[in-house]
PDB file of N, CA and C in Angstrom:
ATOM      1  N   MET A   1     141.689  -7.869 151.434  1.00  0.00           N
ATOM      2  CA  MET A   1     141.317  -6.848 150.470  1.00  0.00           C
ATOM      3  C   MET A   1     139.832  -6.498 150.578  1.00  0.00           C
ATOM      4  N   VAL A   2     138.998  -7.524 150.562  1.00  0.00           N
ATOM      5  CA  VAL A   2     137.554  -7.310 150.671  1.00  0.00           C
ATOM      6  C   VAL A   2     137.246  -6.744 152.054  1.00  0.00           C
ATOM      7  N   GLU A   3     137.934  -7.256 153.038  1.00  0.00           N
ATOM      8  CA  GLU A   3     137.710  -6.789 154.404  1.00  0.00           C
ATOM      9  C   GLU A   3     138.073  -5.314 154.538  1.00  0.00           C
ATOM     10  N   ALA A   4     139.131  -4.885 153.901  1.00  0.00           N
ATOM     11  CA  ALA A   4     139.542  -3.480 153.938  1.00  0.00           C
ATOM     12  C   ALA A   4     138.488  -2.607 153.251  1.00  0.00           C
ATOM     13  N   SER A   5     137.932  -3.091 152.136  1.00  0.00           N
ATOM     14  CA  SER A   5     136.898  -2.336 151.437  1.00  0.00           C
ATOM     15  C   SER A   5     135.650  -2.217 152.303  1.00  0.00           C
ATOM     16  N   VAL A   6     135.306  -3.302 152.990  1.00  0.00           N
ATOM     17  CA  VAL A   6     134.132  -3.288 153.865  1.00  0.00           C
ATOM     18  C   VAL A   6     134.359  -2.304 155.003  1.00  0.00           C
ATOM     19  N   ILE A   7     135.549  -2.295 155.548  1.00  0.00           N
ATOM     20  CA  ILE A   7     135.870  -1.369 156.639  1.00  0.00           C
ATOM     21  C   ILE A   7     135.818   0.068 156.125  1.00  0.00           C
ATOM     22  N   ARG A   8     136.357   0.334 154.927  1.00  0.00           N
ATOM     23  CA  ARG A   8     136.303   1.679 154.363  1.00  0.00           C
ATOM     24  C   ARG A   8     134.859   2.127 154.133  1.00  0.00           C
ATOM     25  N   LEU A   9     134.036   1.225 153.615  1.00  0.00           N
ATOM     26  CA  LEU A   9     132.623   1.555 153.404  1.00  0.00           C
ATOM     27  C   LEU A   9     131.922   1.850 154.729  1.00  0.00           C
ATOM     28  N   GLU A  10     132.223   1.033 155.731  1.00  0.00           N
ATOM     29  CA  GLU A  10     131.636   1.253 157.057  1.00  0.00           C
ATOM     30  C   GLU A  10     132.106   2.589 157.627  1.00  0.00           C
ATOM     31  N   LEU A  11     133.390   2.896 157.446  1.00  0.00           N
ATOM     32  CA  LEU A  11     133.946   4.163 157.910  1.00  0.00           C
ATOM     33  C   LEU A  11     133.279   5.330 157.187  1.00  0.00           C
ATOM     34  N   LYS A  12     133.093   5.209 155.875  1.00  0.00           N
ATOM     35  CA  LYS A  12     132.430   6.260 155.110  1.00  0.00           C
ATOM     36  C   LYS A  12     130.996   6.446 155.589  1.00  0.00           C
ATOM     37  N   ARG A  13     130.285   5.341 155.829  1.00  0.00           N
ATOM     38  CA  ARG A  13     128.905   5.428 156.313  1.00  0.00           C
ATOM     39  C   ARG A  13     128.851   6.117 157.680  1.00  0.00           C
ATOM     40  N   CYS A  14     129.794   5.779 158.552  1.00  0.00           N
ATOM     41  CA  CYS A  14     129.845   6.403 159.885  1.00  0.00           C
ATOM     42  C   CYS A  14     130.166   7.896 159.777  1.00  0.00           C
ATOM     43  N   ARG A  15     131.124   8.248 158.921  1.00  0.00           N
ATOM     44  CA  ARG A  15     131.463   9.666 158.744  1.00  0.00           C
ATOM     45  C   ARG A  15     130.263  10.450 158.215  1.00  0.00           C
ATOM     46  N   ASP A  16     129.559   9.871 157.230  1.00  0.00           N
ATOM     47  CA  ASP A  16     128.382  10.534 156.688  1.00  0.00           C
ATOM     48  C   ASP A  16     127.324  10.737 157.775  1.00  0.00           C
ATOM     49  N   ALA A  17     127.150   9.727 158.612  1.00  0.00           N
ATOM     50  CA  ALA A  17     126.170   9.839 159.697  1.00  0.00           C
ATOM     51  C   ALA A  17     126.576  10.938 160.677  1.00  0.00           C
ATOM     52  N   VAL A  18     127.864  10.998 160.988  1.00  0.00           N
ATOM     53  CA  VAL A  18     128.360  12.033 161.899  1.00  0.00           C
ATOM     54  C   VAL A  18     128.183  13.420 161.278  1.00  0.00           C
ATOM     55  N   HIS A  19     128.483  13.551 160.002  1.00  0.00           N
ATOM     56  CA  HIS A  19     128.331  14.840 159.326  1.00  0.00           C
ATOM     57  C   HIS A  19     126.865  15.274 159.279  1.00  0.00           C
ATOM     58  N   ARG A  20     125.976  14.326 158.995  1.00  0.00           N
ATOM     59  CA  ARG A  20     124.543  14.665 158.985  1.00  0.00           C
ATOM     60  C   ARG A  20     124.089  15.124 160.370  1.00  0.00           C
ATOM     61  N   THR A  21     124.528  14.406 161.377  1.00  0.00           N
ATOM     62  CA  THR A  21     124.164  14.773 162.749  1.00  0.00           C
ATOM     63  C   THR A  21     124.737  16.133 163.113  1.00  0.00           C
ATOM     64  N   ALA A  22     125.998  16.366 162.744  1.00  0.00           N
ATOM     65  CA  ALA A  22     126.635  17.655 163.035  1.00  0.00           C
ATOM     66  C   ALA A  22     125.914  18.783 162.295  1.00  0.00           C
ATOM     67  N   ASP A  23     125.551  18.559 161.051  1.00  0.00           N
ATOM     68  CA  ASP A  23     124.809  19.572 160.299  1.00  0.00           C
ATOM     69  C   ASP A  23     123.463  19.863 160.955  1.00  0.00           C
ATOM     70  N   GLY A  24     122.809  18.805 161.422  1.00  0.00           N
ATOM     71  CA  GLY A  24     121.537  18.983 162.118  1.00  0.00           C
ATOM     72  C   GLY A  24     121.700  19.800 163.382  1.00  0.00           C
ATOM     73  N   VAL A  25     122.776  19.525 164.117  1.00  0.00           N
ATOM     74  CA  VAL A  25     123.038  20.262 165.360  1.00  0.00           C
ATOM     75  C   VAL A  25     123.320  21.730 165.049  1.00  0.00           C
ATOM     76  N   VAL A  26     124.098  21.991 164.021  1.00  0.00           N
ATOM     77  CA  VAL A  26     124.413  23.368 163.638  1.00  0.00           C
ATOM     78  C   VAL A  26     123.141  24.107 163.239  1.00  0.00           C
ATOM     79  N   CYS A  27     122.289  23.439 162.461  1.00  0.00           N
ATOM     80  CA  CYS A  27     121.025  24.070 162.059  1.00  0.00           C
ATOM     81  C   CYS A  27     120.164  24.379 163.280  1.00  0.00           C
ATOM     82  N   LEU A  28     120.102  23.441 164.213  1.00  0.00           N
ATOM     83  CA  LEU A  28     119.316  23.663 165.426  1.00  0.00           C
ATOM     84  C   LEU A  28     119.893  24.793 166.268  1.00  0.00           C
ATOM     85  N   GLU A  29     121.225  24.873 166.335  1.00  0.00           N
ATOM     86  CA  GLU A  29     121.855  25.955 167.096  1.00  0.00           C
ATOM     87  C   GLU A  29     121.558  27.312 166.449  1.00  0.00           C
ATOM     88  N   ARG A  30     121.612  27.369 165.129  1.00  0.00           N
ATOM     89  CA  ARG A  30     121.273  28.618 164.428  1.00  0.00           C
ATOM     90  C   ARG A  30     119.819  29.002 164.695  1.00  0.00           C
ATOM     91  N   GLU A  31     118.938  28.013 164.610  1.00  0.00           N
ATOM     92  CA  GLU A  31     117.528  28.277 164.863  1.00  0.00           C
ATOM     93  C   GLU A  31     117.325  28.762 166.299  1.00  0.00           C
ATOM     94  N   LYS A  32     118.035  28.137 167.239  1.00  0.00           N
ATOM     95  CA  LYS A  32     117.938  28.544 168.642  1.00  0.00           C
ATOM     96  C   LYS A  32     118.398  29.989 168.811  1.00  0.00           C
ATOM     97  N   MET A  33     119.522  30.342 168.178  1.00  0.00           N
ATOM     98  CA  MET A  33     120.025  31.707 168.280  1.00  0.00           C
ATOM     99  C   MET A  33     119.037  32.695 167.667  1.00  0.00           C
ATOM    100  N   GLY A  34     118.446  32.317 166.526  1.00  0.00           N
ATOM    101  CA  GLY A  34     117.451  33.184 165.900  1.00  0.00           C
ATOM    102  C   GLY A  34     116.234  33.370 166.794  1.00  0.00           C
ATOM    103  N   LEU A  35     115.787  32.290 167.411  1.00  0.00           N
ATOM    104  CA  LEU A  35     114.636  32.385 168.312  1.00  0.00           C
ATOM    105  C   LEU A  35     114.964  33.215 169.553  1.00  0.00           C
ATOM    106  N   GLU A  36     116.167  33.049 170.080  1.00  0.00           N
ATOM    107  CA  GLU A  36     116.562  33.846 171.249  1.00  0.00           C
ATOM    108  C   GLU A  36     116.606  35.333 170.900  1.00  0.00           C
ATOM    109  N   THR A  37     117.135  35.635 169.719  1.00  0.00           N
ATOM    110  CA  THR A  37     117.179  37.036 169.276  1.00  0.00           C
ATOM    111  C   THR A  37     115.762  37.587 169.120  1.00  0.00           C
ATOM    112  N   ALA A  38     114.892  36.803 168.505  1.00  0.00           N
ATOM    113  CA  ALA A  38     113.503  37.238 168.324  1.00  0.00           C
ATOM    114  C   ALA A  38     112.828  37.442 169.680  1.00  0.00           C
ATOM    115  N   MET A  39     113.117  36.543 170.629  1.00  0.00           N
ATOM    116  CA  MET A  39     112.526  36.678 171.962  1.00  0.00           C
ATOM    117  C   MET A  39     113.027  37.935 172.662  1.00  0.00           C
ATOM    118  N   LYS A  40     114.313  38.234 172.532  1.00  0.00           N
ATOM    119  CA  LYS A  40     114.857  39.448 173.146  1.00  0.00           C
ATOM    120  C   LYS A  40     114.197  40.686 172.546  1.00  0.00           C
ATOM    121  N   GLU A  41     114.073  40.698 171.218  1.00  0.00           N
ATOM    122  CA  GLU A  41     113.441  41.834 170.557  1.00  0.00           C
ATOM    123  C   GLU A  41     111.988  41.980 170.997  1.00  0.00           C
ATOM    124  N   ARG A  42     111.290  40.866 171.091  1.00  0.00           N
ATOM    125  CA  ARG A  42     109.878  40.913 171.499  1.00  0.00           C
ATOM    126  C   ARG A  42     109.749  41.375 172.950  1.00  0.00           C
ATOM    127  N   ARG A  43     110.645  40.910 173.812  1.00  0.00           N
ATOM    128  CA  ARG A  43     110.622  41.357 175.206  1.00  0.00           C
ATOM    129  C   ARG A  43     110.831  42.872 175.294  1.00  0.00           C
ATOM    130  N   GLU A  44     111.740  43.378 174.470  1.00  0.00           N
ATOM    131  CA  GLU A  44     112.000  44.821 174.461  1.00  0.00           C
ATOM    132  C   GLU A  44     110.768  45.573 173.966  1.00  0.00           C
ATOM    133  N   GLU A  45     110.133  45.061 172.913  1.00  0.00           N
ATOM    134  CA  GLU A  45     108.905  45.685 172.411  1.00  0.00           C
ATOM    135  C   GLU A  45     107.833  45.701 173.502  1.00  0.00           C
ATOM    136  N   ILE A  46     107.697  44.591 174.198  1.00  0.00           N
ATOM    137  CA  ILE A  46     106.696  44.495 175.264  1.00  0.00           C
ATOM    138  C   ILE A  46     107.030  45.469 176.386  1.00  0.00           C
ATOM    139  N   ARG A  47     108.314  45.550 176.745  1.00  0.00           N
ATOM    140  CA  ARG A  47     108.727  46.464 177.810  1.00  0.00           C
ATOM    141  C   ARG A  47     108.385  47.906 177.433  1.00  0.00           C
ATOM    142  N   LEU A  48     108.687  48.269 176.185  1.00  0.00           N
ATOM    143  CA  LEU A  48     108.382  49.624 175.727  1.00  0.00           C
ATOM    144  C   LEU A  48     106.878  49.877 175.711  1.00  0.00           C
ATOM    145  N   HIS A  49     106.126  48.876 175.289  1.00  0.00           N
ATOM    146  CA  HIS A  49     104.672  49.038 175.245  1.00  0.00           C
ATOM    147  C   HIS A  49     104.106  49.189 176.658  1.00  0.00           C
ATOM    148  N   VAL A  50     104.609  48.387 177.589  1.00  0.00           N
ATOM    149  CA  VAL A  50     104.151  48.486 178.978  1.00  0.00           C
ATOM    150  C   VAL A  50     104.493  49.860 179.544  1.00  0.00           C
ATOM    151  N   GLU A  51     105.685  50.346 179.240  1.00  0.00           N
ATOM    152  CA  GLU A  51     106.080  51.675 179.715  1.00  0.00           C
ATOM    153  C   GLU A  51     105.167  52.755 179.139  1.00  0.00           C
ATOM    154  N   MET A  52     104.846  52.615 177.852  1.00  0.00           N
ATOM    155  CA  MET A  52     103.950  53.576 177.225  1.00  0.00           C
ATOM    156  C   MET A  52     102.567  53.528 177.892  1.00  0.00           C
ATOM    157  N   LEU A  53     102.077  52.323 178.170  1.00  0.00           N
ATOM    158  CA  LEU A  53     100.776  52.188 178.826  1.00  0.00           C
ATOM    159  C   LEU A  53     100.799  52.776 180.236  1.00  0.00           C
ATOM    160  N   ARG A  54     101.896  52.581 180.941  1.00  0.00           N
ATOM    161  CA  ARG A  54     102.022  53.176 182.279  1.00  0.00           C
ATOM    162  C   ARG A  54     101.969  54.698 182.198  1.00  0.00           C
ATOM    163  N   GLN A  55     102.674  55.237 181.208  1.00  0.00           N
ATOM    164  CA  GLN A  55     102.663  56.696 181.032  1.00  0.00           C
ATOM    165  C   GLN A  55     101.261  57.185 180.691  1.00  0.00           C
ATOM    166  N   GLN A  56     100.564  56.454 179.840  1.00  0.00           N
ATOM    167  CA  GLN A  56      99.191  56.825 179.495  1.00  0.00           C
ATOM    168  C   GLN A  56      98.304  56.777 180.736  1.00  0.00           C
ATOM    169  N   MET A  57      98.483  55.732 181.555  1.00  0.00           N
ATOM    170  CA  MET A  57      97.689  55.635 182.783  1.00  0.00           C
ATOM    171  C   MET A  57      97.986  56.811 183.709  1.00  0.00           C
ATOM    172  N   LYS A  58      99.250  57.182 183.789  1.00  0.00           N
ATOM    173  CA  LYS A  58      99.637  58.310 184.633  1.00  0.00           C
ATOM    174  C   LYS A  58      98.974  59.595 184.115  1.00  0.00           C
ATOM    175  N   ASN A  59      99.023  59.791 182.793  1.00  0.00           N
ATOM    176  CA  ASN A  59      98.410  60.981 182.196  1.00  0.00           C
ATOM    177  C   ASN A  59      96.902  60.995 182.417  1.00  0.00           C
ATOM    178  N   VAL A  60      96.261  59.865 182.231  1.00  0.00           N
ATOM    179  CA  VAL A  60      94.817  59.786 182.434  1.00  0.00           C
ATOM    180  C   VAL A  60      94.478  60.056 183.892  1.00  0.00           C
ATOM    181  N   ASP A  61      95.283  59.512 184.796  1.00  0.00           N
ATOM    182  CA  ASP A  61      95.041  59.732 186.220  1.00  0.00           C
ATOM    183  C   ASP A  61      95.195  61.216 186.567  1.00  0.00           C
ATOM    184  N   MET A  62      96.213  61.854 186.002  1.00  0.00           N
ATOM    185  CA  MET A  62      96.398  63.286 186.246  1.00  0.00           C
ATOM    186  C   MET A  62      95.231  64.084 185.677  1.00  0.00           C
ATOM    187  N   GLU A  63      94.778  63.706 184.474  1.00  0.00           N
ATOM    188  CA  GLU A  63      93.655  64.395 183.862  1.00  0.00           C
ATOM    189  C   GLU A  63      92.387  64.191 184.697  1.00  0.00           C
ATOM    190  N   ARG A  64      92.199  62.957 185.178  1.00  0.00           N
ATOM    191  CA  ARG A  64      91.040  62.671 186.024  1.00  0.00           C
ATOM    192  C   ARG A  64      91.080  63.517 187.286  1.00  0.00           C
ATOM    193  N   HIS A  65      92.252  63.619 187.874  1.00  0.00           N
ATOM    194  CA  HIS A  65      92.411  64.423 189.084  1.00  0.00           C
ATOM    195  C   HIS A  65      92.082  65.897 188.804  1.00  0.00           C
ATOM    196  N   SER A  66      92.577  66.394 187.673  1.00  0.00           N
ATOM    197  CA  SER A  66      92.315  67.775 187.292  1.00  0.00           C
ATOM    198  C   SER A  66      90.823  68.006 187.062  1.00  0.00           C
ATOM    199  N   LEU A  67      90.176  67.081 186.338  1.00  0.00           N
ATOM    200  CA  LEU A  67      88.749  67.214 186.088  1.00  0.00           C
ATOM    201  C   LEU A  67      87.943  67.123 187.379  1.00  0.00           C
ATOM    202  N   ASN A  68      88.393  66.275 188.263  1.00  0.00           N
ATOM    203  CA  ASN A  68      87.716  66.144 189.554  1.00  0.00           C
ATOM    204  C   ASN A  68      87.830  67.446 190.347  1.00  0.00           C
ATOM    205  N   ALA A  69      89.002  68.077 190.308  1.00  0.00           N
ATOM    206  CA  ALA A  69      89.203  69.351 190.998  1.00  0.00           C
ATOM    207  C   ALA A  69      88.312  70.428 190.375  1.00  0.00           C
ATOM    208  N   GLN A  70      88.234  70.446 189.043  1.00  0.00           N
ATOM    209  CA  GLN A  70      87.363  71.413 188.364  1.00  0.00           C
ATOM    210  C   GLN A  70      85.901  71.188 188.746  1.00  0.00           C
ATOM    211  N   LEU A  71      85.505  69.934 188.809  1.00  0.00           N
ATOM    212  CA  LEU A  71      84.134  69.618 189.194  1.00  0.00           C
ATOM    213  C   LEU A  71      83.843  70.107 190.611  1.00  0.00           C
ATOM    214  N   GLN A  72      84.764  69.850 191.522  1.00  0.00           N
ATOM    215  CA  GLN A  72      84.568  70.291 192.896  1.00  0.00           C
ATOM    216  C   GLN A  72      84.486  71.812 192.974  1.00  0.00           C
ATOM    217  N   ASP A  73      85.308  72.488 192.180  1.00  0.00           N
ATOM    218  CA  ASP A  73      85.275  73.946 192.145  1.00  0.00           C
ATOM    219  C   ASP A  73      83.913  74.437 191.641  1.00  0.00           C
ATOM    220  N   ARG A  74      83.420  73.839 190.584  1.00  0.00           N
ATOM    221  CA  ARG A  74      82.123  74.250 190.039  1.00  0.00           C
ATOM    222  C   ARG A  74      80.986  73.936 191.011  1.00  0.00           C
ATOM    223  N   VAL A  75      81.082  72.801 191.686  1.00  0.00           N
ATOM    224  CA  VAL A  75      80.056  72.450 192.669  1.00  0.00           C
ATOM    225  C   VAL A  75      80.052  73.465 193.799  1.00  0.00           C
ATOM    226  N   SER A  76      81.237  73.864 194.238  1.00  0.00           N
ATOM    227  CA  SER A  76      81.296  74.845 195.321  1.00  0.00           C
ATOM    228  C   SER A  76      80.755  76.201 194.854  1.00  0.00           C
ATOM    229  N   ARG A  77      81.020  76.585 193.584  1.00  0.00           N
ATOM    230  CA  ARG A  77      80.466  77.831 193.055  1.00  0.00           C
ATOM    231  C   ARG A  77      78.943  77.773 193.000  1.00  0.00           C
ATOM    232  N   VAL A  78      78.421  76.637 192.568  1.00  0.00           N
ATOM    233  CA  VAL A  78      76.977  76.476 192.498  1.00  0.00           C
ATOM    234  C   VAL A  78      76.378  76.589 193.897  1.00  0.00           C
ATOM    235  N   ASP A  79      77.019  75.966 194.866  1.00  0.00           N
ATOM    236  CA  ASP A  79      76.527  76.058 196.260  1.00  0.00           C
ATOM    237  C   ASP A  79      76.549  77.499 196.752  1.00  0.00           C
ATOM    238  N   LYS A  80      77.600  78.226 196.429  1.00  0.00           N
ATOM    239  CA  LYS A  80      77.686  79.634 196.842  1.00  0.00           C
ATOM    240  C   LYS A  80      76.560  80.439 196.199  1.00  0.00           C
ATOM    241  N   LEU A  81      76.319  80.193 194.911  1.00  0.00           N
ATOM    242  CA  LEU A  81      75.245  80.908 194.221  1.00  0.00           C
ATOM    243  C   LEU A  81      73.870  80.554 194.809  1.00  0.00           C
ATOM    244  N   LYS A  82      73.687  79.330 195.181  1.00  0.00           N
ATOM    245  CA  LYS A  82      72.419  78.921 195.779  1.00  0.00           C
ATOM    246  C   LYS A  82      72.205  79.596 197.131  1.00  0.00           C
ATOM    247  N   LYS A  83      73.270  79.762 197.875  1.00  0.00           N
ATOM    248  CA  LYS A  83      73.160  80.358 199.210  1.00  0.00           C
ATOM    249  C   LYS A  83      72.826  81.843 199.126  1.00  0.00           C
ATOM    250  N   ARG A  84      73.150  82.491 198.039  1.00  0.00           N
ATOM    251  CA  ARG A  84      72.876  83.927 197.896  1.00  0.00           C
ATOM    252  C   ARG A  84      71.459  84.112 197.723  1.00  0.00           C
TER     253      ARG A  84
END
């Protein structure tokens, strides 16, 4: 009788330990999924930001090219005026 009670208590203690461990694992898995989702979202934000920066660089480069062409045109006009 006492032995059966001791075994039941031991079984209850083991079940509680297993449940605590399982709950801990579930919490960690949820946290992992949340972190993975946050990482995916952040990667997408970074990708979009990099794309925007590339577009800005392209626009600035085009503007620089245009300004450089205008400068060369004005320099050539000045040279023509000087030669007259």
